[in-house]
Amino acid sequence: MQNLNNTQFFKVEKELEMRVEDVLAIVYEALTEKGYNPVNQIVGYVMSGDPTYITSHNNARSLIMKVERDEIVEEILQEYIKTKLSK
């Protein structure tokens, strides 16, 4: 039996942080696999904050909720500028 007068220690593993681009790739793939239009669904989520726009398939909804929506917009805009506007 444990002595309840002593402090108990718990070791919790730190969750690996994923890059926004990796989260978007996983979410895009999950939405595509389920037959959704991934662009429309991601835009709906970013604009409203409603996680039901994202399927729970392959843990996509949980993953995207770990990223701030403004970080998603920033990542998409940076990639657009890099590929379309930079010469």
C-alpha atoms as a PDB file:
ATOM      1  CA  MET A   1       0.000   0.000   0.000  1.00  0.00           C
ATOM      2  CA  GLN A   2       1.238   3.478  -0.861  1.00  0.00           C
ATOM      3  CA  ASN A   3       2.105   5.985   1.811  1.00  0.00           C
ATOM      4  CA  LEU A   4      -0.301   8.887   1.199  1.00  0.00           C
ATOM      5  CA  ASN A   5       1.816  11.256   3.277  1.00  0.00           C
ATOM      6  CA  ASN A   6       4.520  11.415   0.594  1.00  0.00           C
ATOM      7  CA  THR A   7       4.415  13.410  -2.595  1.00  0.00           C
ATOM      8  CA  GLN A   8       3.569  11.275  -5.591  1.00  0.00           C
ATOM      9  CA  PHE A   9       5.568  11.771  -8.791  1.00  0.00           C
ATOM     10  CA  PHE A  10       4.174  11.295 -12.271  1.00  0.00           C
ATOM     11  CA  LYS A  11       6.253  11.227 -15.395  1.00  0.00           C
ATOM     12  CA  VAL A  12       4.373  12.558 -18.391  1.00  0.00           C
ATOM     13  CA  GLU A  13       5.886  12.260 -21.830  1.00  0.00           C
ATOM     14  CA  LYS A  14       5.988  15.512 -23.753  1.00  0.00           C
ATOM     15  CA  GLU A  15       3.923  15.481 -26.904  1.00  0.00           C
ATOM     16  CA  LEU A  16       5.939  16.002 -30.064  1.00  0.00           C
ATOM     17  CA  GLU A  17       5.152  19.310 -31.693  1.00  0.00           C
ATOM     18  CA  MET A  18       4.194  19.122 -35.324  1.00  0.00           C
ATOM     19  CA  ARG A  19       4.840  21.803 -37.882  1.00  0.00           C
ATOM     20  CA  VAL A  20       1.799  23.561 -39.302  1.00  0.00           C
ATOM     21  CA  GLU A  21       2.648  22.310 -42.792  1.00  0.00           C
ATOM     22  CA  ASP A  22       2.648  18.705 -41.528  1.00  0.00           C
ATOM     23  CA  VAL A  23      -0.717  19.159 -39.828  1.00  0.00           C
ATOM     24  CA  LEU A  24      -2.176  20.666 -43.004  1.00  0.00           C
ATOM     25  CA  ALA A  25      -0.843  17.779 -45.092  1.00  0.00           C
ATOM     26  CA  ILE A  26      -2.418  15.186 -42.779  1.00  0.00           C
ATOM     27  CA  VAL A  27      -5.729  17.067 -42.634  1.00  0.00           C
ATOM     28  CA  TYR A  28      -5.768  17.535 -46.423  1.00  0.00           C
ATOM     29  CA  GLU A  29      -5.180  13.818 -46.969  1.00  0.00           C
ATOM     30  CA  ALA A  30      -7.836  12.790 -44.436  1.00  0.00           C
ATOM     31  CA  LEU A  31     -10.431  15.091 -46.008  1.00  0.00           C
ATOM     32  CA  THR A  32      -9.583  13.810 -49.478  1.00  0.00           C
ATOM     33  CA  GLU A  33      -9.847  10.171 -48.348  1.00  0.00           C
ATOM     34  CA  LYS A  34     -13.314  10.841 -46.945  1.00  0.00           C
ATOM     35  CA  GLY A  35     -14.457  12.474 -50.202  1.00  0.00           C
ATOM     36  CA  TYR A  36     -14.615  16.080 -48.987  1.00  0.00           C
ATOM     37  CA  ASN A  37     -13.302  19.115 -50.824  1.00  0.00           C
ATOM     38  CA  PRO A  38     -10.301  19.825 -48.567  1.00  0.00           C
ATOM     39  CA  VAL A  39      -9.927  23.477 -49.594  1.00  0.00           C
ATOM     40  CA  ASN A  40     -13.557  24.289 -48.801  1.00  0.00           C
ATOM     41  CA  GLN A  41     -13.437  22.416 -45.497  1.00  0.00           C
ATOM     42  CA  ILE A  42     -10.187  24.001 -44.312  1.00  0.00           C
ATOM     43  CA  VAL A  43     -11.399  27.482 -45.293  1.00  0.00           C
ATOM     44  CA  GLY A  44     -14.637  26.838 -43.394  1.00  0.00           C
ATOM     45  CA  TYR A  45     -12.670  25.832 -40.322  1.00  0.00           C
ATOM     46  CA  VAL A  46     -10.275  28.789 -40.510  1.00  0.00           C
ATOM     47  CA  MET A  47     -13.099  31.304 -41.012  1.00  0.00           C
ATOM     48  CA  SER A  48     -15.453  29.962 -38.343  1.00  0.00           C
ATOM     49  CA  GLY A  49     -13.301  28.066 -35.873  1.00  0.00           C
ATOM     50  CA  ASP A  50     -15.855  25.247 -35.995  1.00  0.00           C
ATOM     51  CA  PRO A  51     -13.895  21.967 -35.827  1.00  0.00           C
ATOM     52  CA  THR A  52     -16.752  19.991 -37.379  1.00  0.00           C
ATOM     53  CA  TYR A  53     -15.553  21.217 -40.774  1.00  0.00           C
ATOM     54  CA  ILE A  54     -12.648  18.790 -40.308  1.00  0.00           C
ATOM     55  CA  THR A  55     -13.169  15.033 -40.327  1.00  0.00           C
ATOM     56  CA  SER A  56     -12.058  13.017 -37.332  1.00  0.00           C
ATOM     57  CA  HIS A  57     -10.646  10.448 -39.789  1.00  0.00           C
ATOM     58  CA  ASN A  58      -6.945   9.791 -39.065  1.00  0.00           C
ATOM     59  CA  ASN A  59      -7.175  12.118 -36.041  1.00  0.00           C
ATOM     60  CA  ALA A  60      -7.296  15.142 -38.383  1.00  0.00           C
ATOM     61  CA  ARG A  61      -9.729  17.166 -36.259  1.00  0.00           C
ATOM     62  CA  SER A  62      -7.683  16.712 -33.118  1.00  0.00           C
ATOM     63  CA  LEU A  63      -4.480  17.664 -34.935  1.00  0.00           C
ATOM     64  CA  ILE A  64      -5.809  20.833 -36.532  1.00  0.00           C
ATOM     65  CA  MET A  65      -7.208  22.029 -33.215  1.00  0.00           C
ATOM     66  CA  LYS A  66      -3.676  21.977 -31.764  1.00  0.00           C
ATOM     67  CA  VAL A  67      -2.646  24.688 -34.238  1.00  0.00           C
ATOM     68  CA  GLU A  68      -3.799  28.280 -33.956  1.00  0.00           C
ATOM     69  CA  ARG A  69      -5.940  29.370 -36.891  1.00  0.00           C
ATOM     70  CA  ASP A  70      -3.798  32.432 -37.511  1.00  0.00           C
ATOM     71  CA  GLU A  71      -0.773  30.115 -37.833  1.00  0.00           C
ATOM     72  CA  ILE A  72      -2.633  28.187 -40.530  1.00  0.00           C
ATOM     73  CA  VAL A  73      -3.367  31.391 -42.455  1.00  0.00           C
ATOM     74  CA  GLU A  74       0.249  32.501 -42.044  1.00  0.00           C
ATOM     75  CA  GLU A  75       1.588  29.184 -43.357  1.00  0.00           C
ATOM     76  CA  ILE A  76      -0.722  29.210 -46.372  1.00  0.00           C
ATOM     77  CA  LEU A  77       0.084  32.843 -47.182  1.00  0.00           C
ATOM     78  CA  GLN A  78       3.836  32.301 -46.847  1.00  0.00           C
ATOM     79  CA  GLU A  79       3.686  29.320 -49.186  1.00  0.00           C
ATOM     80  CA  TYR A  80       1.576  31.252 -51.684  1.00  0.00           C
ATOM     81  CA  ILE A  81       4.008  34.182 -51.674  1.00  0.00           C
ATOM     82  CA  LYS A  82       6.986  31.851 -51.985  1.00  0.00           C
ATOM     83  CA  THR A  83       5.572  29.923 -54.942  1.00  0.00           C
ATOM     84  CA  LYS A  84       3.529  32.550 -56.789  1.00  0.00           C
ATOM     85  CA  LEU A  85       5.049  35.954 -56.111  1.00  0.00           C
ATOM     86  CA  SER A  86       8.740  35.448 -55.426  1.00  0.00           C
ATOM     87  CA  LYS A  87      10.968  35.395 -58.463  1.00  0.00           C
END
